[in-house]
Amino acid sequence: MSTVNIPRLDLNNYLNGTAEQRKQFSDDIGRAFNETGFVTITNHGLSKQLIEQLYTQVKALFAEPDAVKAKYEIPGLAGQRGYTGKEKETAKGFTKPDLKEFWQIGQTVEDNDPVKDIYPDNVQVDELPEFNAVTLEIYKKLEAIGKQLLRAISVYLNLPEDYFDGKVHNGNSILRTLHYFPIADLDAIPDDAVRAGAHEDINLITLLIGASADGLEVLTREGSWYPVKAHGEDLVVNVGDMLQRLTNNKLKSTTHRVVNPPRELMKTSRFSVPFFLHPKSDMDLTSLESCIDVEHPKLYTDITAGEYLDERLREIGLKK
């Protein structure tokens, strides 16, 4: 198997380290995002207790009867808030929907930013008030961690350290709680149906809080699939398509998937919680001039983050 650069980086070195440590962190995350698009992050500030509390609530949510969950599926929101039922999302280029159901929590605007009028309200789970509280806390913590990682990336790109700050403040970010549900009748699974088909994320960066089981794989430059494993409570962080467009492919939005486990384990659940860090919809994703030269001609047409998100939601079947 080829060597894959998915380094384990200590966020504390960037937040509280020496100038040399901070530069090293920026160089390391930039290099990994250039080569594979993935890193794992330790010392990020999420406690083991909080993560365990989160997963307890996520499991409780998806253990609710389908009839209860279905009342939280809101037509017209393209799955951006509340519940999305089983086999509703299909990876771009695939015909069979993913074997999953999910719940999404969006931005809570707490200042006078007019963007508040654009975002739909979050859906509250009447049966699980603790789910509402812990997911809101997780959202805010992951958003703050993501902003620090974007600062490190800005330094790597020779941009002002605060380049992304205003663009992601009250951004259209999403916390997704995912349930890859058990399959009782294994013969009913189509051969090409998987838990999450090969895809790239839409957003700037994704922060994933572990998972209850293995299955995440990244496609290497050589065309082979490489399992991504995190230590304990580490975050897995990867580049999304918006950041790839902005950097004219200098930073890679790498194809990844969640594969089915051995058939006997398809009768068990898998849970995971990714945070998709988005900017505000009006962010200009026009490729940075500093990432365009004779050897790297401009690859993408100009588009805003909102226009691009709309385009991608239609491609994956969440928006009609």
C-alpha atoms as a PDB file:
ATOM      1  CA  MET A   1       0.000   0.000   0.000  1.00  0.00           C
ATOM      2  CA  SER A   2       1.309   3.440  -0.881  1.00  0.00           C
ATOM      3  CA  THR A   3       2.273   5.865   1.867  1.00  0.00           C
ATOM      4  CA  VAL A   4      -0.518   8.361   2.506  1.00  0.00           C
ATOM      5  CA  ASN A   5       0.154  11.655   4.255  1.00  0.00           C
ATOM      6  CA  ILE A   6      -2.620  11.940   6.858  1.00  0.00           C
ATOM      7  CA  PRO A   7      -0.678  13.459   9.754  1.00  0.00           C
ATOM      8  CA  ARG A   8      -1.883  13.704  13.347  1.00  0.00           C
ATOM      9  CA  LEU A   9      -1.553  17.379  14.291  1.00  0.00           C
ATOM     10  CA  ASP A  10      -1.781  19.014  17.727  1.00  0.00           C
ATOM     11  CA  LEU A  11      -4.041  22.083  17.538  1.00  0.00           C
ATOM     12  CA  ASN A  12      -2.585  23.385  20.796  1.00  0.00           C
ATOM     13  CA  ASN A  13       0.696  23.971  18.927  1.00  0.00           C
ATOM     14  CA  TYR A  14      -1.125  26.494  16.753  1.00  0.00           C
ATOM     15  CA  LEU A  15      -3.277  28.076  19.454  1.00  0.00           C
ATOM     16  CA  ASN A  16      -0.630  28.404  22.189  1.00  0.00           C
ATOM     17  CA  GLY A  17       2.688  27.423  20.626  1.00  0.00           C
ATOM     18  CA  THR A  18       5.792  29.383  19.752  1.00  0.00           C
ATOM     19  CA  ALA A  19       6.038  31.197  16.422  1.00  0.00           C
ATOM     20  CA  GLU A  20       8.015  28.211  15.127  1.00  0.00           C
ATOM     21  CA  GLN A  21       5.371  25.718  16.300  1.00  0.00           C
ATOM     22  CA  ARG A  22       2.583  27.779  14.764  1.00  0.00           C
ATOM     23  CA  LYS A  23       4.367  27.970  11.425  1.00  0.00           C
ATOM     24  CA  GLN A  24       5.079  24.231  11.539  1.00  0.00           C
ATOM     25  CA  PHE A  25       1.387  23.504  12.133  1.00  0.00           C
ATOM     26  CA  SER A  26       0.400  25.674   9.147  1.00  0.00           C
ATOM     27  CA  ASP A  27       3.031  24.032   6.960  1.00  0.00           C
ATOM     28  CA  ASP A  28       1.927  20.542   8.023  1.00  0.00           C
ATOM     29  CA  ILE A  29      -1.784  21.061   7.502  1.00  0.00           C
ATOM     30  CA  GLY A  30      -1.147  22.817   4.185  1.00  0.00           C
ATOM     31  CA  ARG A  31       1.125  20.055   2.919  1.00  0.00           C
ATOM     32  CA  ALA A  32      -1.365  17.336   3.895  1.00  0.00           C
ATOM     33  CA  PHE A  33      -4.255  19.241   2.322  1.00  0.00           C
ATOM     34  CA  ASN A  34      -2.156  19.603  -0.825  1.00  0.00           C
ATOM     35  CA  GLU A  35      -1.264  15.905  -0.981  1.00  0.00           C
ATOM     36  CA  THR A  36      -4.273  14.007   0.408  1.00  0.00           C
ATOM     37  CA  GLY A  37      -6.818  16.528   1.672  1.00  0.00           C
ATOM     38  CA  PHE A  38      -7.009  14.859   5.107  1.00  0.00           C
ATOM     39  CA  VAL A  39      -5.510  15.335   8.598  1.00  0.00           C
ATOM     40  CA  THR A  40      -6.429  14.220  12.108  1.00  0.00           C
ATOM     41  CA  ILE A  41      -6.446  16.785  14.913  1.00  0.00           C
ATOM     42  CA  THR A  42      -5.744  16.231  18.607  1.00  0.00           C
ATOM     43  CA  ASN A  43      -6.003  18.640  21.572  1.00  0.00           C
ATOM     44  CA  HIS A  44      -8.976  20.340  19.925  1.00  0.00           C
ATOM     45  CA  GLY A  45     -10.889  21.104  23.119  1.00  0.00           C
ATOM     46  CA  LEU A  46     -13.787  18.651  22.847  1.00  0.00           C
ATOM     47  CA  SER A  47     -13.817  16.516  25.992  1.00  0.00           C
ATOM     48  CA  LYS A  48     -14.308  12.773  25.929  1.00  0.00           C
ATOM     49  CA  GLN A  49     -17.309  13.271  28.211  1.00  0.00           C
ATOM     50  CA  LEU A  50     -18.980  15.700  25.786  1.00  0.00           C
ATOM     51  CA  ILE A  51     -18.371  13.387  22.819  1.00  0.00           C
ATOM     52  CA  GLU A  52     -19.845  10.440  24.734  1.00  0.00           C
ATOM     53  CA  GLN A  53     -22.850  12.572  25.678  1.00  0.00           C
ATOM     54  CA  LEU A  54     -23.296  13.510  22.019  1.00  0.00           C
ATOM     55  CA  TYR A  55     -23.245   9.917  20.793  1.00  0.00           C
ATOM     56  CA  THR A  56     -25.653   8.827  23.540  1.00  0.00           C
ATOM     57  CA  GLN A  57     -28.153  11.406  22.291  1.00  0.00           C
ATOM     58  CA  VAL A  58     -27.558  10.605  18.611  1.00  0.00           C
ATOM     59  CA  LYS A  59     -28.251   6.921  19.249  1.00  0.00           C
ATOM     60  CA  ALA A  60     -31.381   7.832  21.212  1.00  0.00           C
ATOM     61  CA  LEU A  61     -32.645   9.987  18.339  1.00  0.00           C
ATOM     62  CA  PHE A  62     -32.327   7.295  15.714  1.00  0.00           C
ATOM     63  CA  ALA A  63     -33.800   4.692  18.068  1.00  0.00           C
ATOM     64  CA  GLU A  64     -37.076   6.640  17.957  1.00  0.00           C
ATOM     65  CA  PRO A  65     -39.818   5.008  15.845  1.00  0.00           C
ATOM     66  CA  ASP A  66     -39.807   5.946  12.160  1.00  0.00           C
ATOM     67  CA  ALA A  67     -43.198   7.624  12.627  1.00  0.00           C
ATOM     68  CA  VAL A  68     -41.727   9.947  15.262  1.00  0.00           C
ATOM     69  CA  LYS A  69     -38.696  10.828  13.139  1.00  0.00           C
ATOM     70  CA  ALA A  70     -40.839  11.368  10.049  1.00  0.00           C
ATOM     71  CA  LYS A  71     -42.741  14.232  11.693  1.00  0.00           C
ATOM     72  CA  TYR A  72     -39.441  16.161  11.725  1.00  0.00           C
ATOM     73  CA  GLU A  73     -38.841  15.787   7.974  1.00  0.00           C
ATOM     74  CA  ILE A  74     -39.623  19.258   6.625  1.00  0.00           C
ATOM     75  CA  PRO A  75     -40.608  19.492   2.923  1.00  0.00           C
ATOM     76  CA  GLY A  76     -38.880  22.221   0.954  1.00  0.00           C
ATOM     77  CA  LEU A  77     -35.769  22.487   3.134  1.00  0.00           C
ATOM     78  CA  ALA A  78     -33.657  20.100   1.012  1.00  0.00           C
ATOM     79  CA  GLY A  79     -32.638  18.239   4.152  1.00  0.00           C
ATOM     80  CA  GLN A  80     -30.861  21.305   5.537  1.00  0.00           C
ATOM     81  CA  ARG A  81     -32.696  21.176   8.881  1.00  0.00           C
ATOM     82  CA  GLY A  82     -34.233  18.351  10.873  1.00  0.00           C
ATOM     83  CA  TYR A  83     -34.636  14.759   9.718  1.00  0.00           C
ATOM     84  CA  THR A  84     -33.924  13.180   6.340  1.00  0.00           C
ATOM     85  CA  GLY A  85     -35.241   9.653   5.973  1.00  0.00           C
ATOM     86  CA  LYS A  86     -33.545   6.473   4.897  1.00  0.00           C
ATOM     87  CA  GLU A  87     -32.076   6.219   1.393  1.00  0.00           C
ATOM     88  CA  LYS A  88     -32.894   9.810   0.396  1.00  0.00           C
ATOM     89  CA  GLU A  89     -29.382  11.006  -0.561  1.00  0.00           C
ATOM     90  CA  THR A  90     -27.459   9.659  -3.548  1.00  0.00           C
ATOM     91  CA  ALA A  91     -23.761  10.353  -4.123  1.00  0.00           C
ATOM     92  CA  LYS A  92     -23.047  12.249  -7.350  1.00  0.00           C
ATOM     93  CA  GLY A  93     -22.707   9.775 -10.218  1.00  0.00           C
ATOM     94  CA  PHE A  94     -24.452   6.934  -8.362  1.00  0.00           C
ATOM     95  CA  THR A  95     -27.910   5.489  -9.001  1.00  0.00           C
ATOM     96  CA  LYS A  96     -28.478   3.733  -5.659  1.00  0.00           C
ATOM     97  CA  PRO A  97     -29.103   5.929  -2.599  1.00  0.00           C
ATOM     98  CA  ASP A  98     -26.833   5.710   0.436  1.00  0.00           C
ATOM     99  CA  LEU A  99     -27.845   3.324   3.212  1.00  0.00           C
ATOM    100  CA  LYS A 100     -28.291   6.015   5.841  1.00  0.00           C
ATOM    101  CA  GLU A 101     -30.632   8.481   7.559  1.00  0.00           C
ATOM    102  CA  PHE A 102     -29.564  11.766   9.135  1.00  0.00           C
ATOM    103  CA  TRP A 103     -30.476  14.876  11.107  1.00  0.00           C
ATOM    104  CA  GLN A 104     -29.064  18.345  10.357  1.00  0.00           C
ATOM    105  CA  ILE A 105     -28.549  21.371  12.603  1.00  0.00           C
ATOM    106  CA  GLY A 106     -27.734  24.762  11.091  1.00  0.00           C
ATOM    107  CA  GLN A 107     -26.468  28.162  12.140  1.00  0.00           C
ATOM    108  CA  THR A 108     -27.942  30.013  15.115  1.00  0.00           C
ATOM    109  CA  VAL A 109     -27.444  33.740  14.532  1.00  0.00           C
ATOM    110  CA  GLU A 110     -27.092  35.545  17.872  1.00  0.00           C
ATOM    111  CA  ASP A 111     -26.159  39.059  16.721  1.00  0.00           C
ATOM    112  CA  ASN A 112     -27.966  41.465  14.412  1.00  0.00           C
ATOM    113  CA  ASP A 113     -26.554  39.949  11.226  1.00  0.00           C
ATOM    114  CA  PRO A 114     -29.289  40.206   8.552  1.00  0.00           C
ATOM    115  CA  VAL A 115     -28.276  36.740   7.323  1.00  0.00           C
ATOM    116  CA  LYS A 116     -30.528  35.454  10.143  1.00  0.00           C
ATOM    117  CA  ASP A 117     -33.544  36.109   7.912  1.00  0.00           C
ATOM    118  CA  ILE A 118     -32.166  33.765   5.268  1.00  0.00           C
ATOM    119  CA  TYR A 119     -31.619  30.715   7.469  1.00  0.00           C
ATOM    120  CA  PRO A 120     -34.496  28.452   8.475  1.00  0.00           C
ATOM    121  CA  ASP A 121     -34.907  27.821  12.190  1.00  0.00           C
ATOM    122  CA  ASN A 122     -33.439  24.668  13.648  1.00  0.00           C
ATOM    123  CA  VAL A 123     -35.866  21.857  14.371  1.00  0.00           C
ATOM    124  CA  GLN A 124     -36.189  20.926  18.046  1.00  0.00           C
ATOM    125  CA  VAL A 125     -36.712  17.300  19.066  1.00  0.00           C
ATOM    126  CA  ASP A 126     -39.575  17.380  21.544  1.00  0.00           C
ATOM    127  CA  GLU A 127     -38.799  13.897  22.831  1.00  0.00           C
ATOM    128  CA  LEU A 128     -35.088  14.563  23.485  1.00  0.00           C
ATOM    129  CA  PRO A 129     -34.360  18.032  24.891  1.00  0.00           C
ATOM    130  CA  GLU A 130     -30.818  16.962  25.764  1.00  0.00           C
ATOM    131  CA  PHE A 131     -30.196  16.176  22.067  1.00  0.00           C
ATOM    132  CA  ASN A 132     -31.055  19.788  21.200  1.00  0.00           C
ATOM    133  CA  ALA A 133     -28.710  21.151  23.868  1.00  0.00           C
ATOM    134  CA  VAL A 134     -25.692  18.949  23.211  1.00  0.00           C
ATOM    135  CA  THR A 135     -25.813  19.325  19.413  1.00  0.00           C
ATOM    136  CA  LEU A 136     -25.952  23.124  19.764  1.00  0.00           C
ATOM    137  CA  GLU A 137     -22.911  23.029  22.061  1.00  0.00           C
ATOM    138  CA  ILE A 138     -21.041  20.723  19.675  1.00  0.00           C
ATOM    139  CA  TYR A 139     -21.938  22.968  16.721  1.00  0.00           C
ATOM    140  CA  LYS A 140     -20.461  26.048  18.398  1.00  0.00           C
ATOM    141  CA  LYS A 141     -17.281  24.255  19.484  1.00  0.00           C
ATOM    142  CA  LEU A 142     -16.644  22.729  16.064  1.00  0.00           C
ATOM    143  CA  GLU A 143     -17.303  26.060  14.363  1.00  0.00           C
ATOM    144  CA  ALA A 144     -14.685  27.693  16.615  1.00  0.00           C
ATOM    145  CA  ILE A 145     -12.165  24.906  15.944  1.00  0.00           C
ATOM    146  CA  GLY A 146     -12.823  25.183  12.223  1.00  0.00           C
ATOM    147  CA  LYS A 147     -12.138  28.930  12.262  1.00  0.00           C
ATOM    148  CA  GLN A 148      -8.737  28.290  13.863  1.00  0.00           C
ATOM    149  CA  LEU A 149      -7.891  25.656  11.257  1.00  0.00           C
ATOM    150  CA  LEU A 150      -8.849  28.081   8.483  1.00  0.00           C
ATOM    151  CA  ARG A 151      -6.487  30.630  10.030  1.00  0.00           C
ATOM    152  CA  ALA A 152      -3.653  28.103   9.834  1.00  0.00           C
ATOM    153  CA  ILE A 153      -4.590  27.354   6.222  1.00  0.00           C
ATOM    154  CA  SER A 154      -4.623  31.097   5.437  1.00  0.00           C
ATOM    155  CA  VAL A 155      -1.039  31.382   6.683  1.00  0.00           C
ATOM    156  CA  TYR A 156      -0.017  28.447   4.477  1.00  0.00           C
ATOM    157  CA  LEU A 157      -1.640  30.184   1.487  1.00  0.00           C
ATOM    158  CA  ASN A 158       0.197  33.463   2.302  1.00  0.00           C
ATOM    159  CA  LEU A 159      -3.106  35.182   2.967  1.00  0.00           C
ATOM    160  CA  PRO A 160      -3.858  37.384   5.983  1.00  0.00           C
ATOM    161  CA  GLU A 161      -4.445  35.088   8.948  1.00  0.00           C
ATOM    162  CA  ASP A 162      -7.987  36.412   9.352  1.00  0.00           C
ATOM    163  CA  TYR A 163      -8.857  36.012   5.633  1.00  0.00           C
ATOM    164  CA  PHE A 164     -11.739  33.615   6.315  1.00  0.00           C
ATOM    165  CA  ASP A 165     -12.983  35.106   9.607  1.00  0.00           C
ATOM    166  CA  GLY A 166     -15.643  37.440   8.213  1.00  0.00           C
ATOM    167  CA  LYS A 167     -16.620  34.978   5.502  1.00  0.00           C
ATOM    168  CA  VAL A 168     -17.455  32.157   7.910  1.00  0.00           C
ATOM    169  CA  HIS A 169     -18.906  34.291  10.734  1.00  0.00           C
ATOM    170  CA  ASN A 170     -22.571  33.205  10.813  1.00  0.00           C
ATOM    171  CA  GLY A 171     -21.754  30.973   7.853  1.00  0.00           C
ATOM    172  CA  ASN A 172     -24.171  28.406   6.445  1.00  0.00           C
ATOM    173  CA  SER A 173     -22.477  25.539   8.311  1.00  0.00           C
ATOM    174  CA  ILE A 174     -24.209  22.247   9.054  1.00  0.00           C
ATOM    175  CA  LEU A 175     -23.817  19.685  11.832  1.00  0.00           C
ATOM    176  CA  ARG A 176     -25.015  16.315  10.577  1.00  0.00           C
ATOM    177  CA  THR A 177     -25.768  13.373  12.853  1.00  0.00           C
ATOM    178  CA  LEU A 178     -25.691  10.198  10.791  1.00  0.00           C
ATOM    179  CA  HIS A 179     -27.097   6.710  11.254  1.00  0.00           C
ATOM    180  CA  TYR A 180     -26.032   3.952   8.889  1.00  0.00           C
ATOM    181  CA  PHE A 181     -28.916   1.708   9.790  1.00  0.00           C
ATOM    182  CA  PRO A 182     -28.764  -2.089  10.221  1.00  0.00           C
ATOM    183  CA  ILE A 183     -29.939  -4.259   7.357  1.00  0.00           C
ATOM    184  CA  ALA A 184     -31.823  -7.338   8.554  1.00  0.00           C
ATOM    185  CA  ASP A 185     -32.373  -8.902   5.106  1.00  0.00           C
ATOM    186  CA  LEU A 186     -28.898  -8.985   3.572  1.00  0.00           C
ATOM    187  CA  ASP A 187     -30.225 -10.438   0.315  1.00  0.00           C
ATOM    188  CA  ALA A 188     -32.261  -7.268  -0.158  1.00  0.00           C
ATOM    189  CA  ILE A 189     -29.150  -5.080  -0.474  1.00  0.00           C
ATOM    190  CA  PRO A 190     -28.315  -4.243  -4.115  1.00  0.00           C
ATOM    191  CA  ASP A 191     -24.727  -5.157  -4.971  1.00  0.00           C
ATOM    192  CA  ASP A 192     -23.812  -1.523  -5.603  1.00  0.00           C
ATOM    193  CA  ALA A 193     -25.558  -0.045  -2.534  1.00  0.00           C
ATOM    194  CA  VAL A 194     -23.133   1.299   0.080  1.00  0.00           C
ATOM    195  CA  ARG A 195     -23.349   3.259   3.314  1.00  0.00           C
ATOM    196  CA  ALA A 196     -21.944   6.363   1.616  1.00  0.00           C
ATOM    197  CA  GLY A 197     -20.915   6.309  -2.028  1.00  0.00           C
ATOM    198  CA  ALA A 198     -17.612   7.801  -3.164  1.00  0.00           C
ATOM    199  CA  HIS A 199     -17.944  11.586  -3.021  1.00  0.00           C
ATOM    200  CA  GLU A 200     -16.296  14.905  -2.240  1.00  0.00           C
ATOM    201  CA  ASP A 201     -17.703  17.310   0.343  1.00  0.00           C
ATOM    202  CA  ILE A 202     -19.289  20.563  -0.823  1.00  0.00           C
ATOM    203  CA  ASN A 203     -18.052  22.984   1.850  1.00  0.00           C
ATOM    204  CA  LEU A 204     -14.728  24.609   2.877  1.00  0.00           C
ATOM    205  CA  ILE A 205     -13.590  22.008   5.412  1.00  0.00           C
ATOM    206  CA  THR A 206     -15.280  19.102   7.209  1.00  0.00           C
ATOM    207  CA  LEU A 207     -14.604  18.188  10.839  1.00  0.00           C
ATOM    208  CA  LEU A 208     -15.646  14.637  11.774  1.00  0.00           C
ATOM    209  CA  ILE A 209     -16.024  13.521  15.382  1.00  0.00           C
ATOM    210  CA  GLY A 210     -14.912   9.924  15.091  1.00  0.00           C
ATOM    211  CA  ALA A 211     -17.471   7.246  14.369  1.00  0.00           C
ATOM    212  CA  SER A 212     -18.836   4.220  16.161  1.00  0.00           C
ATOM    213  CA  ALA A 213     -17.196   1.844  13.665  1.00  0.00           C
ATOM    214  CA  ASP A 214     -14.575   1.720  10.907  1.00  0.00           C
ATOM    215  CA  GLY A 215     -15.492   2.263   7.274  1.00  0.00           C
ATOM    216  CA  LEU A 216     -14.169   5.675   6.161  1.00  0.00           C
ATOM    217  CA  GLU A 217     -11.758   5.365   3.227  1.00  0.00           C
ATOM    218  CA  VAL A 218      -9.920   7.936   1.097  1.00  0.00           C
ATOM    219  CA  LEU A 219      -8.968   7.513  -2.581  1.00  0.00           C
ATOM    220  CA  THR A 220      -5.214   7.912  -3.078  1.00  0.00           C
ATOM    221  CA  ARG A 221      -3.572   9.537  -6.093  1.00  0.00           C
ATOM    222  CA  GLU A 222      -2.593   6.037  -7.208  1.00  0.00           C
ATOM    223  CA  GLY A 223      -6.254   5.041  -7.336  1.00  0.00           C
ATOM    224  CA  SER A 224      -6.353   2.767  -4.287  1.00  0.00           C
ATOM    225  CA  TRP A 225      -8.611   3.069  -1.232  1.00  0.00           C
ATOM    226  CA  TYR A 226      -6.913   3.824   2.086  1.00  0.00           C
ATOM    227  CA  PRO A 227      -8.695   3.475   5.472  1.00  0.00           C
ATOM    228  CA  VAL A 228      -8.726   6.628   7.613  1.00  0.00           C
ATOM    229  CA  LYS A 229      -8.487   5.830  11.307  1.00  0.00           C
ATOM    230  CA  ALA A 230      -8.517   8.363  14.126  1.00  0.00           C
ATOM    231  CA  HIS A 231      -7.040   7.932  17.592  1.00  0.00           C
ATOM    232  CA  GLY A 232      -9.662   8.023  20.333  1.00  0.00           C
ATOM    233  CA  GLU A 233     -11.329  11.419  20.327  1.00  0.00           C
ATOM    234  CA  ASP A 234      -9.283  12.923  17.475  1.00  0.00           C
ATOM    235  CA  LEU A 235     -11.092  14.883  14.773  1.00  0.00           C
ATOM    236  CA  VAL A 236     -10.735  13.875  11.131  1.00  0.00           C
ATOM    237  CA  VAL A 237     -10.577  17.036   8.990  1.00  0.00           C
ATOM    238  CA  ASN A 238     -10.738  17.199   5.205  1.00  0.00           C
ATOM    239  CA  VAL A 239     -10.886  19.752   2.395  1.00  0.00           C
ATOM    240  CA  GLY A 240     -14.214  20.409   0.691  1.00  0.00           C
ATOM    241  CA  ASP A 241     -14.878  21.434  -2.889  1.00  0.00           C
ATOM    242  CA  MET A 242     -15.330  25.130  -2.043  1.00  0.00           C
ATOM    243  CA  LEU A 243     -11.789  25.363  -0.681  1.00  0.00           C
ATOM    244  CA  GLN A 244     -10.501  23.384  -3.644  1.00  0.00           C
ATOM    245  CA  ARG A 245     -12.160  25.819  -6.065  1.00  0.00           C
ATOM    246  CA  LEU A 246     -10.872  28.827  -4.146  1.00  0.00           C
ATOM    247  CA  THR A 247      -7.304  27.495  -4.294  1.00  0.00           C
ATOM    248  CA  ASN A 248      -7.525  26.274  -7.911  1.00  0.00           C
ATOM    249  CA  ASN A 249      -6.789  22.680  -6.767  1.00  0.00           C
ATOM    250  CA  LYS A 250      -3.762  23.646  -4.660  1.00  0.00           C
ATOM    251  CA  LEU A 251      -5.680  22.112  -1.750  1.00  0.00           C
ATOM    252  CA  LYS A 252      -7.347  18.811  -2.620  1.00  0.00           C
ATOM    253  CA  SER A 253     -10.960  17.855  -2.012  1.00  0.00           C
ATOM    254  CA  THR A 254     -10.214  14.150  -1.945  1.00  0.00           C
ATOM    255  CA  THR A 255     -12.756  11.504  -2.857  1.00  0.00           C
ATOM    256  CA  HIS A 256     -13.842   9.420   0.138  1.00  0.00           C
ATOM    257  CA  ARG A 257     -16.520   6.874   0.996  1.00  0.00           C
ATOM    258  CA  VAL A 258     -17.976   4.809   3.819  1.00  0.00           C
ATOM    259  CA  VAL A 259     -17.798   1.160   2.854  1.00  0.00           C
ATOM    260  CA  ASN A 260     -20.087  -1.602   4.009  1.00  0.00           C
ATOM    261  CA  PRO A 261     -18.659  -3.764   6.794  1.00  0.00           C
ATOM    262  CA  PRO A 262     -18.456  -7.568   6.475  1.00  0.00           C
ATOM    263  CA  ARG A 263     -21.940  -8.863   5.728  1.00  0.00           C
ATOM    264  CA  GLU A 264     -22.532 -10.150   9.244  1.00  0.00           C
ATOM    265  CA  LEU A 265     -21.925  -6.624  10.611  1.00  0.00           C
ATOM    266  CA  MET A 266     -24.481  -5.060   8.260  1.00  0.00           C
ATOM    267  CA  LYS A 267     -27.022  -6.059  10.897  1.00  0.00           C
ATOM    268  CA  THR A 268     -25.454  -3.494  13.262  1.00  0.00           C
ATOM    269  CA  SER A 269     -25.642   0.310  13.274  1.00  0.00           C
ATOM    270  CA  ARG A 270     -22.862   2.796  12.554  1.00  0.00           C
ATOM    271  CA  PHE A 271     -23.082   6.399  13.775  1.00  0.00           C
ATOM    272  CA  SER A 272     -20.974   9.429  12.895  1.00  0.00           C
ATOM    273  CA  VAL A 273     -21.154  13.215  13.315  1.00  0.00           C
ATOM    274  CA  PRO A 274     -19.527  15.439  10.664  1.00  0.00           C
ATOM    275  CA  PHE A 275     -19.538  19.245  10.778  1.00  0.00           C
ATOM    276  CA  PHE A 276     -19.575  20.861   7.336  1.00  0.00           C
ATOM    277  CA  LEU A 277     -18.039  24.329   7.681  1.00  0.00           C
ATOM    278  CA  HIS A 278     -19.588  26.657   5.094  1.00  0.00           C
ATOM    279  CA  PRO A 279     -19.067  30.371   4.515  1.00  0.00           C
ATOM    280  CA  LYS A 280     -21.915  32.811   4.056  1.00  0.00           C
ATOM    281  CA  SER A 281     -23.681  32.283   0.757  1.00  0.00           C
ATOM    282  CA  ASP A 282     -22.315  35.498  -0.759  1.00  0.00           C
ATOM    283  CA  MET A 283     -18.666  34.431  -0.456  1.00  0.00           C
ATOM    284  CA  ASP A 284     -16.929  34.686  -3.827  1.00  0.00           C
ATOM    285  CA  LEU A 285     -15.264  31.352  -4.686  1.00  0.00           C
ATOM    286  CA  THR A 286     -13.324  32.827  -7.615  1.00  0.00           C
ATOM    287  CA  SER A 287      -9.910  31.145  -7.546  1.00  0.00           C
ATOM    288  CA  LEU A 288      -7.201  33.141  -5.781  1.00  0.00           C
ATOM    289  CA  GLU A 289      -4.796  34.877  -8.142  1.00  0.00           C
ATOM    290  CA  SER A 290      -1.913  33.526  -6.061  1.00  0.00           C
ATOM    291  CA  CYS A 291      -2.975  29.967  -6.963  1.00  0.00           C
ATOM    292  CA  ILE A 292      -3.013  30.617 -10.731  1.00  0.00           C
ATOM    293  CA  ASP A 293       0.075  30.654 -12.947  1.00  0.00           C
ATOM    294  CA  VAL A 294       1.357  29.238 -16.244  1.00  0.00           C
ATOM    295  CA  GLU A 295       1.766  25.755 -14.755  1.00  0.00           C
ATOM    296  CA  HIS A 296      -1.557  25.976 -12.923  1.00  0.00           C
ATOM    297  CA  PRO A 297      -4.085  27.671 -15.226  1.00  0.00           C
ATOM    298  CA  LYS A 298      -7.467  28.639 -13.824  1.00  0.00           C
ATOM    299  CA  LEU A 299      -9.716  25.572 -13.734  1.00  0.00           C
ATOM    300  CA  TYR A 300     -13.054  26.862 -12.493  1.00  0.00           C
ATOM    301  CA  THR A 301     -15.696  29.355 -13.515  1.00  0.00           C
ATOM    302  CA  ASP A 302     -16.514  32.101 -11.000  1.00  0.00           C
ATOM    303  CA  ILE A 303     -19.360  31.301  -8.605  1.00  0.00           C
ATOM    304  CA  THR A 304     -20.584  32.217  -5.127  1.00  0.00           C
ATOM    305  CA  ALA A 305     -20.783  29.737  -2.265  1.00  0.00           C
ATOM    306  CA  GLY A 306     -24.588  29.909  -2.287  1.00  0.00           C
ATOM    307  CA  GLU A 307     -24.841  29.232  -6.011  1.00  0.00           C
ATOM    308  CA  TYR A 308     -22.439  26.326  -5.714  1.00  0.00           C
ATOM    309  CA  LEU A 309     -24.289  24.789  -2.754  1.00  0.00           C
ATOM    310  CA  ASP A 310     -27.585  24.985  -4.644  1.00  0.00           C
ATOM    311  CA  GLU A 311     -26.018  23.270  -7.651  1.00  0.00           C
ATOM    312  CA  ARG A 312     -24.596  20.433  -5.547  1.00  0.00           C
ATOM    313  CA  LEU A 313     -27.759  19.824  -3.504  1.00  0.00           C
ATOM    314  CA  ARG A 314     -29.599  19.235  -6.765  1.00  0.00           C
ATOM    315  CA  GLU A 315     -26.904  16.815  -7.944  1.00  0.00           C
ATOM    316  CA  ILE A 316     -27.201  14.626  -4.842  1.00  0.00           C
ATOM    317  CA  GLY A 317     -31.002  14.566  -4.914  1.00  0.00           C
ATOM    318  CA  LEU A 318     -31.772  16.613  -1.797  1.00  0.00           C
ATOM    319  CA  LYS A 319     -33.097  19.560  -3.798  1.00  0.00           C
ATOM    320  CA  LYS A 320     -35.460  19.257  -6.753  1.00  0.00           C
END
